[in-house]
Each structure stands twice: as C-alpha cells, then as structure tokens.
Amino acid sequence: MNADVAVVGGGYAGLTAAQALHDAGVDVVVLEARDRVGGRVFTEPIPGAWIDHGGQWAGPTQRRILALAARHGVELFNTYDEGDNIILRGENRAHYKGPIPTDRTDLAADEIALLLELDLMGLQVPLDAPWEAPDAERWDSLTAHSWFEQNVDNDEVRLDMKGLVNAVFSAELREISFLHFLFYLHSAGGSTKTITVGGGAQEQRFVGGAQTTANRVATLLGERVKLEHPVRRITRTDASVTLEGDGFSVEARRAVVAVPPPLAAQIEWRPMLPVDRDQLHQRVPMGTVMKLHAVYDRPFWREDGLSGQAVADSGSVAVVFDNSPPDASCGILLGFIEGDHARTWGLASPEARREEALRGFARYFGDRALKPEAYYEKSWAHEQYSRGCYAGLFPPGVWTTSGRAIRTPVGPLHWAGTETATEWMGYIDGAVQSGERAAREVLEALDVPRERWPALLASEPAATAAT
C-alpha cells in the first residue's frame, strides 16, 4: 500500500490531520489499531440515549472542536447546570452554586486567592516552550504536591487542590511536576475554566455523543481509514517512511504519529529515535481514570432542586455530573474514579466496582441512586490502545530535559496528539489543534501550494518546530 502521508492513530488528532491533508488533495491513509475511530473519545448507544465513556465536553473557548463539529453538522446542548451542587466534607453535606464550593466563605476566599496566584504564575509559562519559563528549572524540579506543601499552610485548601488535580489530570499531586501543572492551567485559559460548567470546559455536550464528529470525519475519508491496523514498526529514511503491522505495509513520503507517548514507546523504530524523543516516550505515563454511568427512569435529583453535580474530599467517587440526554427521557449520573482510587478499584471485580459506584452516588443523592435500571463503566487503564486517560502526565524533569522534542519532526515523522497541543492540552480541542498543526507541517514539507490548503489551516501561521 502506498500513500503520500500515513497517519498513525484514528483519534481526533489523527482524523483532523487526515481530513486537512485530504482536503488539500494529498493522498492519505489512517492506520487505527482499534475497531473504531475516536481514540480516547468513545460513545456507546444505549436505549433512548448514549453513554460517553471518554472525552465528552466542549467549552466556549474550545473553538477548534466546536468548528469541526459544526462543519460536520453535529449539534451541541448545554450540560444540565440548574439547581444546587453538593459538597461533602467528610460526612458533612452542604449545597452551593458555581464552580467553587462556597459552603465556607473563609475557605472559598483562600482558594480563590490561591487559584488567582496560580493563574498568574501560569502566565509566565510560554505555551510553546514551557522550559523557557523564568523559573522553569525550579518549578520542574518540584512535584505539585511539594509546592503546595511548601506554600499553602491551610490543610483544607491543600486537600481541595488534591481534588482539583484528581479531577483535571486523573492523577495525584505527587505525579506531575509543578511546571506541568502551571502549563496545563495556562493552556486551558486559567484554572476556573477547567472546573466550570457554564463558560468553562464542561459547558456543552454533543448530541448523539462526542464520537459522532469523529465518525463523520471517518465516513468522509472512507476506505482511507484502516481499522484494526496496529502499527508495529516504523522505518524511516530522509525522504520516506515505511509502516508495518500484522499483515500490512505502507510506504509513504511523510507520517503523522498521533498516539499517546506510552503507545509510541511500543513501536519499533528503525533507526532508533533521537534520545530526547525516545526519553519523552519512556517518561510520560498516562493518567488513571474510570468513568461510571448509572441510568435511571428519570433524573430524580432534579425534583429535589439539585444539579446532579457533586464533589467530595474523600471517597472513591469524588466527582459527579448529570449526564442525562437533553430531553431528560431518562436520568444518568456520571461519576469518576481517579488516580490512586482508580488504580485500587481497577484490581477489584466488576461486581465490587458497581457496588462501590452506586454507594458513591447514594452518598450524594440518597438510596434511590442504589437501584439504577442499567450501569456502565469504563476503565481506561485497561484499554490496550490508550493505557489510561485523560492525557500523558509530565513528572518532574521531563519538560526541561525532553520537552523540546514534543513537536519537533524527526526526518519524515511529524507528531500529533493532545499531549503536543499548546492550547487545551489534554482535551479534545487540544487534539484537534495538534492535528491541524501537524497537517500544516506536512503540507509545507511536501511543498503543497498555499492555494490548495484548507481555509482553516491558511488562517493561522505555520507551526515552527520547537528548538
């Protein structure tokens, strides 16, 4: 099989790159290991509704995924955000509205002040080169845990910051560098956007599920998308690349590798990749998260004036949302188990996890939550071709030693994936941005005339490899 460009990975990054290249008249093939497209976005139809097992939301500043969905006729609707949210501190229960719990005004004031301080620090981190931040070496030598221990005296504030990192990174404070923490917040436009529904990253959902747009892109590309084609070996020269798997081989002029770092590490590279790129693959693990859905005949919590949104400072199910369809024809509670809790419960039986999940929902919404009509779960650490979610985690030292390789092409190889994004890293929008950037790099490398470039690529300057 021959093509101008081969794309490894049929998630949003790979599909975005492939569509842009196809629109420019470039012969492209997408090699996807799974039996579906979408990557870390996976929608399962259920009677009368759907379940999004992976990424599912979009916010008002996530312009790329919103534009892509609009281009393919996929509509969005607002996440249910009416009524009171619930917070449990220990077993003490309180109601509040907005992104930050206000059950204790003194604590809320301290947390708002801290988040503002963190956002201001994050602005010092260049999005295209975090290693050039004024305090990059120091910040990258600390875990987020160490920084909070050294700079935040209030134990309850530190506990809430642990909850923020669990929810946003699906990881523990000790697992990420403080520089990465600041970069991530900056790439999202600030901490508040990462935890907010109205006006934030969780504002809208996709009618029919978040995978719908990916499916429509794949339909447009047709036979150019090859499912169940895991790439095992990539051999490169200065001017070409050969991609091999079980029973297939593809010869191309360029390749876009759009898979998470741990999966790229499993590919056999001939010749070996440069050391900084190889180290990046070895040193960036994935977050650990389970998504749990309980389906009821109706969203009964709304009858009690509740939004369905809940958080807790303890317990395995510490973040909950109302994930019901827009017509409320059934009620769906979505819960997350993240970080250490996800690793622990990943070793348990499905029956034990179901019981734990329903106990978690009942802590917030009472015994009615114990008897759903259906229950679904997804452990992303058990997904062979993801190995975790939401994104790769950058521990101390990675940005300042290997970070320069994150987007730097290696001969005919280009890199995509939400981990390579400079805006909304870790989100669907970041994946789309990375695919657009990789497509620009390839079009330039192939000397494709600008008049053939899709308008969405021509509207932004071509990316410059980080050095």
Protein backbone atom coordinates (compact mmCIF):
# COMPACT_ATOMS: atom_id res chain seq x y z
CA MET A 1 0.00 0.00 0.00
CA ASN A 2 1.32 3.46 -0.92
CA ALA A 3 0.26 6.97 0.13
CA ASP A 4 1.69 10.45 0.28
CA VAL A 5 1.08 10.53 4.04
CA ALA A 6 0.32 7.82 6.60
CA VAL A 7 -1.38 8.81 9.85
CA VAL A 8 -0.89 6.54 12.86
CA GLY A 9 -3.96 6.78 15.08
CA GLY A 10 -7.61 7.49 14.29
CA GLY A 11 -8.43 9.68 17.27
CA TYR A 12 -9.35 13.34 16.89
CA ALA A 13 -5.72 14.36 16.29
CA GLY A 14 -5.12 11.84 13.53
CA LEU A 15 -8.50 12.33 11.88
CA THR A 16 -8.15 16.13 11.90
CA ALA A 17 -4.74 15.88 10.24
CA ALA A 18 -6.02 13.35 7.72
CA GLN A 19 -9.06 15.40 6.75
CA ALA A 20 -6.99 18.57 6.31
CA LEU A 21 -4.47 16.74 4.13
CA HIS A 22 -7.23 15.07 2.12
CA ASP A 23 -8.92 18.44 1.58
CA ALA A 24 -5.60 19.74 0.22
CA GLY A 25 -5.50 16.93 -2.33
CA VAL A 26 -2.90 14.82 -0.54
CA ASP A 27 -3.25 11.03 -0.71
CA VAL A 28 -3.55 9.95 2.92
CA VAL A 29 -4.18 6.73 4.81
CA VAL A 30 -5.14 6.42 8.51
CA LEU A 31 -3.92 3.35 10.39
CA GLU A 32 -6.04 2.78 13.51
CA ALA A 33 -5.38 -0.12 15.89
CA ARG A 34 -8.91 -0.31 17.30
CA ASP A 35 -12.07 -1.47 15.58
CA ARG A 36 -13.40 2.10 15.78
CA VAL A 37 -12.23 5.68 15.42
CA GLY A 38 -12.27 8.33 18.15
CA GLY A 39 -9.35 7.24 20.31
CA ARG A 40 -9.95 8.40 23.87
CA VAL A 41 -13.43 9.52 22.80
CA PHE A 42 -15.84 6.59 22.78
CA THR A 43 -19.65 6.75 22.61
CA GLU A 44 -21.86 3.73 23.32
CA PRO A 45 -25.54 3.89 22.26
CA ILE A 46 -28.00 2.71 24.91
CA PRO A 47 -31.81 2.52 24.76
CA GLY A 48 -33.10 6.07 24.33
CA ALA A 49 -29.73 7.78 24.94
CA TRP A 50 -25.97 7.28 24.78
CA ILE A 51 -23.00 6.93 27.10
CA ASP A 52 -19.75 8.84 26.55
CA HIS A 53 -17.08 6.62 28.06
CA GLY A 54 -14.26 9.05 27.21
CA GLY A 55 -13.94 12.75 26.44
CA GLN A 56 -17.37 14.31 26.12
CA TRP A 57 -17.46 18.07 26.75
CA ALA A 58 -16.67 21.30 24.93
CA GLY A 59 -16.38 24.86 26.21
CA PRO A 60 -16.83 28.28 24.60
CA THR A 61 -13.09 28.87 24.09
CA GLN A 62 -12.55 25.46 22.51
CA ARG A 63 -13.08 26.89 19.06
CA ARG A 64 -11.44 24.11 17.06
CA ILE A 65 -13.63 21.20 18.17
CA LEU A 66 -16.69 23.44 18.02
CA ALA A 67 -15.82 24.40 14.43
CA LEU A 68 -15.13 20.78 13.48
CA ALA A 69 -18.46 19.64 14.93
CA ALA A 70 -20.31 22.44 13.12
CA ARG A 71 -18.59 21.54 9.86
CA HIS A 72 -19.96 18.01 10.14
CA GLY A 73 -23.44 19.01 11.27
CA VAL A 74 -23.12 17.83 14.88
CA GLU A 75 -25.22 19.84 17.32
CA LEU A 76 -24.44 20.58 20.96
CA PHE A 77 -26.56 21.18 24.03
CA ASN A 78 -25.84 22.64 27.44
CA THR A 79 -24.78 20.43 30.30
CA TYR A 80 -27.51 20.47 32.94
CA ASP A 81 -26.48 23.21 35.37
CA GLU A 82 -29.61 24.24 37.23
CA GLY A 83 -30.17 23.91 40.95
CA ASP A 84 -27.72 23.32 43.77
CA ASN A 85 -24.43 21.46 43.68
CA ILE A 86 -23.44 19.21 46.57
CA ILE A 87 -20.19 19.09 48.51
CA LEU A 88 -19.28 16.52 51.12
CA ARG A 89 -16.50 17.36 53.56
CA GLY A 90 -16.11 14.10 55.40
CA GLU A 91 -19.77 13.31 56.03
CA ASN A 92 -20.80 16.97 56.35
CA ARG A 93 -23.07 17.90 53.47
CA ALA A 94 -23.64 21.37 52.02
CA HIS A 95 -25.15 22.94 48.92
CA TYR A 96 -23.58 25.61 46.73
CA LYS A 97 -23.72 27.13 43.26
CA GLY A 98 -20.93 27.88 40.79
CA PRO A 99 -17.55 26.22 40.22
CA ILE A 100 -16.05 26.76 43.68
CA PRO A 101 -17.79 25.47 46.83
CA THR A 102 -18.98 28.40 48.95
CA ASP A 103 -20.23 26.45 51.94
CA ARG A 104 -17.41 28.04 53.92
CA THR A 105 -16.71 31.61 52.88
CA ASP A 106 -13.30 31.74 54.59
CA LEU A 107 -12.12 28.62 52.75
CA ALA A 108 -13.60 29.77 49.45
CA ALA A 109 -11.80 33.12 49.73
CA ASP A 110 -8.48 31.39 50.38
CA GLU A 111 -8.99 29.05 47.43
CA ILE A 112 -9.97 31.84 45.05
CA ALA A 113 -6.86 33.78 46.07
CA LEU A 114 -4.69 30.70 45.54
CA LEU A 115 -6.18 29.93 42.12
CA LEU A 116 -5.59 33.53 41.07
CA GLU A 117 -1.96 33.25 42.20
CA LEU A 118 -1.54 30.01 40.27
CA ASP A 119 -3.09 31.51 37.12
CA LEU A 120 -0.71 34.47 37.30
CA MET A 121 2.23 32.13 37.70
CA GLY A 122 0.95 30.07 34.78
CA LEU A 123 1.00 33.14 32.54
CA GLN A 124 4.79 33.10 32.93
CA VAL A 125 4.96 29.68 31.24
CA PRO A 126 5.28 30.01 27.42
CA LEU A 127 2.74 27.66 25.88
CA ASP A 128 5.03 26.70 23.01
CA ALA A 129 8.10 26.35 25.22
CA PRO A 130 7.37 25.68 28.93
CA TRP A 131 11.08 25.04 29.52
CA GLU A 132 11.71 28.75 28.87
CA ALA A 133 9.64 29.94 31.84
CA PRO A 134 11.71 32.19 34.16
CA ASP A 135 11.58 29.62 36.98
CA ALA A 136 11.33 26.54 34.76
CA GLU A 137 14.21 24.64 36.36
CA ARG A 138 12.93 25.15 39.89
CA TRP A 139 9.28 24.53 39.07
CA ASP A 140 10.14 21.41 37.08
CA SER A 141 12.20 20.03 39.95
CA LEU A 142 9.13 20.05 42.22
CA THR A 143 6.00 17.95 42.19
CA ALA A 144 2.75 19.83 42.54
CA HIS A 145 2.48 18.14 45.95
CA SER A 146 5.81 19.58 47.08
CA TRP A 147 4.89 23.10 46.00
CA PHE A 148 1.57 23.04 47.84
CA GLU A 149 3.19 21.58 50.95
CA GLN A 150 5.78 24.37 50.94
CA ASN A 151 3.50 27.27 50.04
CA VAL A 152 -0.01 26.55 51.37
CA ASP A 153 -0.50 26.41 55.12
CA ASN A 154 -4.20 25.53 55.16
CA ASP A 155 -4.67 21.74 55.23
CA GLU A 156 -8.21 22.01 53.85
CA VAL A 157 -7.08 24.14 50.91
CA ARG A 158 -4.37 21.59 50.12
CA LEU A 159 -6.98 18.82 50.26
CA ASP A 160 -9.17 20.70 47.81
CA MET A 161 -6.18 21.22 45.49
CA LYS A 162 -5.66 17.45 45.59
CA GLY A 163 -9.25 17.09 44.46
CA LEU A 164 -8.70 19.58 41.63
CA VAL A 165 -5.68 17.65 40.35
CA ASN A 166 -7.53 14.33 40.65
CA ALA A 167 -10.40 15.74 38.59
CA VAL A 168 -8.42 17.66 35.96
CA PHE A 169 -5.43 15.32 35.48
CA SER A 170 -6.82 11.95 36.71
CA ALA A 171 -3.64 11.79 38.76
CA GLU A 172 -2.21 12.57 42.18
CA LEU A 173 -0.32 15.74 43.13
CA ARG A 174 2.90 13.77 43.54
CA GLU A 175 2.76 12.51 39.93
CA ILE A 176 3.11 15.77 38.00
CA SER A 177 5.72 18.49 38.00
CA PHE A 178 4.65 21.90 39.22
CA LEU A 179 5.78 23.36 35.89
CA HIS A 180 3.42 20.97 34.08
CA PHE A 181 0.61 21.92 36.45
CA LEU A 182 1.07 25.62 35.62
CA PHE A 183 1.43 24.96 31.89
CA TYR A 184 -1.77 22.92 31.87
CA LEU A 185 -3.77 25.65 33.58
CA HIS A 186 -2.37 28.28 31.19
CA SER A 187 -3.17 26.13 28.15
CA ALA A 188 -6.81 25.98 29.27
CA GLY A 189 -7.05 29.74 29.78
CA GLY A 190 -6.93 29.54 33.57
CA SER A 191 -7.89 27.26 36.43
CA THR A 192 -11.54 28.33 36.60
CA LYS A 193 -12.23 27.19 33.05
CA THR A 194 -11.05 23.67 33.86
CA ILE A 195 -13.58 23.23 36.67
CA THR A 196 -16.51 25.29 35.39
CA VAL A 197 -19.67 24.19 33.60
CA GLY A 198 -21.22 27.45 32.40
CA GLY A 199 -18.49 29.28 30.50
CA GLY A 200 -15.95 26.54 31.15
CA ALA A 201 -14.67 23.23 29.81
CA GLN A 202 -17.83 21.32 30.81
CA GLU A 203 -20.38 23.75 29.34
CA GLN A 204 -21.69 21.72 26.39
CA ARG A 205 -22.15 18.15 25.21
CA PHE A 206 -22.57 16.69 21.75
CA VAL A 207 -25.97 15.46 20.59
CA GLY A 208 -25.53 11.74 19.98
CA GLY A 209 -22.20 11.66 21.79
CA ALA A 210 -18.73 13.08 21.39
CA GLN A 211 -17.61 10.33 19.00
CA THR A 212 -20.21 11.42 16.41
CA THR A 213 -17.95 14.02 14.80
CA ALA A 214 -15.06 11.54 14.58
CA ASN A 215 -17.37 9.00 12.93
CA ARG A 216 -18.44 11.56 10.34
CA VAL A 217 -14.86 12.52 9.53
CA ALA A 218 -14.06 8.82 9.09
CA THR A 219 -17.08 8.38 6.81
CA LEU A 220 -15.84 11.27 4.67
CA LEU A 221 -12.38 9.67 4.41
CA GLY A 222 -13.95 6.32 3.58
CA GLU A 223 -11.56 3.50 2.67
CA ARG A 224 -8.59 5.69 3.57
CA VAL A 225 -9.29 4.75 7.21
CA LYS A 226 -7.96 1.29 8.02
CA LEU A 227 -9.33 -0.13 11.28
CA GLU A 228 -7.64 -2.94 13.23
CA HIS A 229 -4.29 -1.93 11.73
CA PRO A 230 -1.93 -1.51 14.72
CA VAL A 231 1.46 -0.24 13.58
CA ARG A 232 4.29 -2.38 14.99
CA ARG A 233 7.36 -0.99 13.21
CA ILE A 234 8.28 2.31 11.55
CA THR A 235 11.35 2.57 9.36
CA ARG A 236 12.44 5.95 8.05
CA THR A 237 14.90 7.44 5.64
CA ASP A 238 15.43 11.12 4.95
CA ALA A 239 12.73 11.08 2.27
CA SER A 240 10.31 8.25 3.09
CA VAL A 241 8.79 6.12 5.79
CA THR A 242 7.61 2.50 5.92
CA LEU A 243 4.95 1.49 8.43
CA GLU A 244 4.41 -2.20 9.14
CA GLY A 245 1.92 -4.21 11.12
CA ASP A 246 0.35 -7.63 11.17
CA GLY A 247 -0.08 -8.48 7.51
CA PHE A 248 0.31 -4.98 6.06
CA SER A 249 2.94 -2.49 5.00
CA VAL A 250 2.51 1.13 3.95
CA GLU A 251 5.06 3.22 2.05
CA ALA A 252 4.67 6.99 2.42
CA ARG A 253 6.57 10.21 1.95
CA ARG A 254 5.67 11.50 5.42
CA ALA A 255 3.94 10.14 8.52
CA VAL A 256 1.94 11.77 11.31
CA VAL A 257 2.20 9.81 14.57
CA ALA A 258 -0.89 10.68 16.61
CA VAL A 259 -0.82 8.29 19.56
CA PRO A 260 -0.08 8.86 23.28
CA PRO A 261 3.59 8.66 24.34
CA PRO A 262 3.31 5.23 26.04
CA LEU A 263 1.91 3.74 22.82
CA ALA A 264 4.59 5.38 20.69
CA ALA A 265 7.13 3.75 23.00
CA GLN A 266 5.82 0.32 21.99
CA ILE A 267 6.55 0.86 18.30
CA GLU A 268 9.83 -0.50 16.96
CA TRP A 269 11.69 2.45 15.44
CA ARG A 270 14.30 1.96 12.73
CA PRO A 271 16.64 3.69 13.19
CA MET A 272 16.13 4.49 16.87
CA LEU A 273 14.57 7.86 17.55
CA PRO A 274 16.73 10.71 18.89
CA VAL A 275 17.36 10.26 22.59
CA ASP A 276 15.24 13.22 23.72
CA ARG A 277 12.23 11.95 21.76
CA ASP A 278 12.75 8.38 22.98
CA GLN A 279 13.06 9.59 26.57
CA LEU A 280 9.83 11.55 26.18
CA HIS A 281 8.02 8.33 25.25
CA GLN A 282 9.51 6.49 28.22
CA ARG A 283 8.92 9.18 30.86
CA VAL A 284 5.33 10.35 30.20
CA PRO A 285 2.79 7.89 31.67
CA MET A 286 -0.95 8.18 31.29
CA GLY A 287 -3.43 9.31 33.91
CA THR A 288 -5.69 6.72 35.52
CA VAL A 289 -9.48 7.11 35.47
CA MET A 290 -12.72 5.16 35.40
CA LYS A 291 -15.99 6.61 34.16
CA LEU A 292 -19.14 5.21 35.74
CA HIS A 293 -22.70 5.71 34.49
CA ALA A 294 -25.89 4.78 36.33
CA VAL A 295 -29.12 5.03 34.31
CA TYR A 296 -32.49 5.72 35.99
CA ASP A 297 -36.03 6.13 34.69
CA ARG A 298 -35.76 9.90 35.25
CA PRO A 299 -33.30 12.45 36.68
CA PHE A 300 -34.92 12.27 40.12
CA TRP A 301 -32.35 14.57 41.74
CA ARG A 302 -33.72 17.50 39.76
CA GLU A 303 -37.02 17.12 41.64
CA ASP A 304 -35.06 17.97 44.78
CA GLY A 305 -33.61 21.13 43.22
CA LEU A 306 -30.22 19.54 42.60
CA SER A 307 -28.00 19.95 39.55
CA GLY A 308 -26.55 16.46 39.72
CA GLN A 309 -23.09 17.95 40.21
CA ALA A 310 -21.31 16.83 43.36
CA VAL A 311 -17.81 16.72 44.83
CA ALA A 312 -16.29 15.23 47.96
CA ASP A 313 -12.97 15.47 49.74
CA SER A 314 -12.96 11.73 50.45
CA GLY A 315 -14.24 8.51 48.97
CA SER A 316 -13.58 6.92 45.60
CA VAL A 317 -16.39 8.61 43.62
CA ALA A 318 -15.37 12.20 44.28
CA VAL A 319 -16.80 13.98 41.21
CA VAL A 320 -20.30 13.53 39.77
CA PHE A 321 -22.30 15.14 36.94
CA ASP A 322 -25.80 14.88 35.49
CA ASN A 323 -25.22 13.15 32.14
CA SER A 324 -28.86 12.78 31.13
CA PRO A 325 -29.93 13.27 27.49
CA PRO A 326 -31.28 16.70 26.53
CA ASP A 327 -34.92 15.56 26.64
CA ALA A 328 -34.47 14.03 30.13
CA SER A 329 -36.15 10.86 28.86
CA CYS A 330 -34.00 9.06 31.40
CA GLY A 331 -31.70 10.13 34.19
CA ILE A 332 -27.97 9.39 34.01
CA LEU A 333 -25.45 10.05 36.74
CA LEU A 334 -21.79 10.16 35.70
CA GLY A 335 -19.12 9.51 38.29
CA PHE A 336 -15.34 9.48 38.11
CA ILE A 337 -12.85 7.33 40.00
CA GLU A 338 -9.41 8.84 39.52
CA GLY A 339 -5.75 8.49 40.41
CA ASP A 340 -4.94 6.16 43.31
CA HIS A 341 -8.59 5.20 43.76
CA ALA A 342 -8.78 4.13 40.11
CA ARG A 343 -5.65 2.02 40.47
CA THR A 344 -7.08 0.33 43.56
CA TRP A 345 -10.54 -0.30 42.13
CA GLY A 346 -9.05 -1.41 38.83
CA LEU A 347 -7.93 -4.54 40.66
CA ALA A 348 -11.40 -5.27 42.02
CA SER A 349 -14.13 -7.34 40.38
CA PRO A 350 -16.73 -5.62 38.18
CA GLU A 351 -19.37 -6.50 40.77
CA ALA A 352 -17.40 -4.84 43.56
CA ARG A 353 -16.80 -1.72 41.43
CA ARG A 354 -20.51 -1.47 40.62
CA GLU A 355 -21.41 -1.70 44.31
CA GLU A 356 -18.82 0.96 45.18
CA ALA A 357 -20.02 3.27 42.41
CA LEU A 358 -23.66 3.06 43.49
CA ARG A 359 -22.70 3.62 47.12
CA GLY A 360 -20.85 6.70 45.93
CA PHE A 361 -23.90 8.05 44.08
CA ALA A 362 -26.08 7.31 47.12
CA ARG A 363 -23.80 9.41 49.35
CA TYR A 364 -24.91 12.43 47.35
CA PHE A 365 -28.44 11.60 46.21
CA GLY A 366 -29.86 9.08 48.65
CA ASP A 367 -30.95 5.47 48.42
CA ARG A 368 -32.81 5.96 45.13
CA ALA A 369 -29.39 6.01 43.49
CA LEU A 370 -28.73 2.41 44.61
CA LYS A 371 -31.20 0.91 42.12
CA PRO A 372 -30.45 2.03 38.56
CA GLU A 373 -32.04 0.42 35.53
CA ALA A 374 -28.58 -0.04 33.99
CA TYR A 375 -24.97 0.50 34.90
CA TYR A 376 -21.92 1.03 32.67
CA GLU A 377 -18.24 1.53 33.41
CA LYS A 378 -15.04 2.14 31.50
CA SER A 379 -11.52 1.76 32.89
CA TRP A 380 -9.14 3.49 30.50
CA ALA A 381 -6.05 1.92 32.05
CA HIS A 382 -7.43 -1.40 30.77
CA GLU A 383 -7.78 -0.07 27.21
CA GLN A 384 -4.92 -1.61 25.22
CA TYR A 385 -4.58 1.26 22.77
CA SER A 386 -4.91 4.09 25.31
CA ARG A 387 -3.33 2.71 28.51
CA GLY A 388 -5.02 5.47 30.51
CA CYS A 389 -6.66 8.88 30.32
CA TYR A 390 -7.14 11.78 30.09
CA ALA A 391 -3.64 12.52 28.82
CA GLY A 392 0.04 11.89 29.40
CA LEU A 393 1.44 13.18 32.69
CA PHE A 394 4.72 15.11 32.80
CA PRO A 395 6.60 14.23 36.01
CA PRO A 396 9.44 16.42 37.33
CA GLY A 397 12.29 16.96 34.92
CA VAL A 398 10.57 15.95 31.69
CA TRP A 399 9.68 19.39 30.31
CA THR A 400 13.13 20.84 30.94
CA THR A 401 15.11 17.86 29.61
CA SER A 402 12.96 16.30 26.87
CA GLY A 403 10.20 18.83 26.28
CA ARG A 404 11.86 20.38 23.24
CA ALA A 405 11.17 17.16 21.34
CA ILE A 406 7.41 17.31 21.84
CA ARG A 407 6.62 18.74 18.38
CA THR A 408 9.99 18.59 16.60
CA PRO A 409 9.77 16.49 13.42
CA VAL A 410 12.25 13.63 13.04
CA GLY A 411 13.03 13.35 9.33
CA PRO A 412 9.69 12.49 7.67
CA LEU A 413 7.95 11.93 11.03
CA HIS A 414 5.56 14.51 12.50
CA TRP A 415 3.92 14.34 15.93
CA ALA A 416 0.30 14.96 16.91
CA GLY A 417 -1.95 14.13 19.84
CA THR A 418 -3.40 16.25 22.62
CA GLU A 419 -0.10 15.93 24.55
CA THR A 420 1.53 18.07 21.84
CA ALA A 421 -1.07 20.86 22.00
CA THR A 422 -0.33 24.37 23.23
CA GLU A 423 -4.00 25.21 23.87
CA TRP A 424 -6.33 22.91 25.80
CA MET A 425 -3.74 20.18 26.20
CA GLY A 426 -5.42 17.01 27.43
CA TYR A 427 -8.79 17.90 25.88
CA ILE A 428 -10.48 17.06 22.56
CA ASP A 429 -9.82 20.62 21.42
CA GLY A 430 -6.11 20.15 22.04
CA ALA A 431 -6.16 17.01 19.91
CA VAL A 432 -7.80 18.93 17.05
CA GLN A 433 -5.24 21.76 17.36
CA SER A 434 -2.40 19.24 17.18
CA GLY A 435 -3.83 17.64 14.06
CA GLU A 436 -4.14 20.99 12.33
CA ARG A 437 -0.56 21.91 13.25
CA ALA A 438 0.82 18.58 12.01
CA ALA A 439 -1.09 18.96 8.74
CA ARG A 440 0.49 22.39 8.22
CA GLU A 441 3.95 20.94 8.79
CA VAL A 442 3.31 18.16 6.27
CA LEU A 443 1.88 20.49 3.62
CA GLU A 444 4.95 22.68 3.92
CA ALA A 445 7.28 19.69 3.75
CA LEU A 446 5.52 18.41 0.62
CA ASP A 447 5.59 21.90 -0.96
CA VAL A 448 1.82 21.88 -1.47
CA PRO A 449 0.84 25.32 -2.87
CA ARG A 450 -0.91 27.54 -0.32
CA GLU A 451 -3.92 27.97 -2.57
CA ARG A 452 -4.67 24.28 -2.06
CA TRP A 453 -4.54 24.49 1.72
CA PRO A 454 -7.91 24.27 3.54
CA ALA A 455 -9.06 27.65 4.83
CA LEU A 456 -8.84 26.52 8.46
CA LEU A 457 -5.10 25.92 8.04
CA ALA A 458 -4.38 29.02 5.99
CA SER A 459 -5.96 31.21 8.68
CA GLU A 460 -3.10 30.56 11.11
CA PRO A 461 0.67 30.74 10.65
CA ALA A 462 2.50 27.52 10.01
CA ALA A 463 3.94 25.93 13.14
CA THR A 464 7.62 26.30 13.88
CA ALA A 465 9.37 23.30 15.35
CA ALA A 466 10.47 23.87 18.93
CA THR A 467 14.20 24.19 19.36
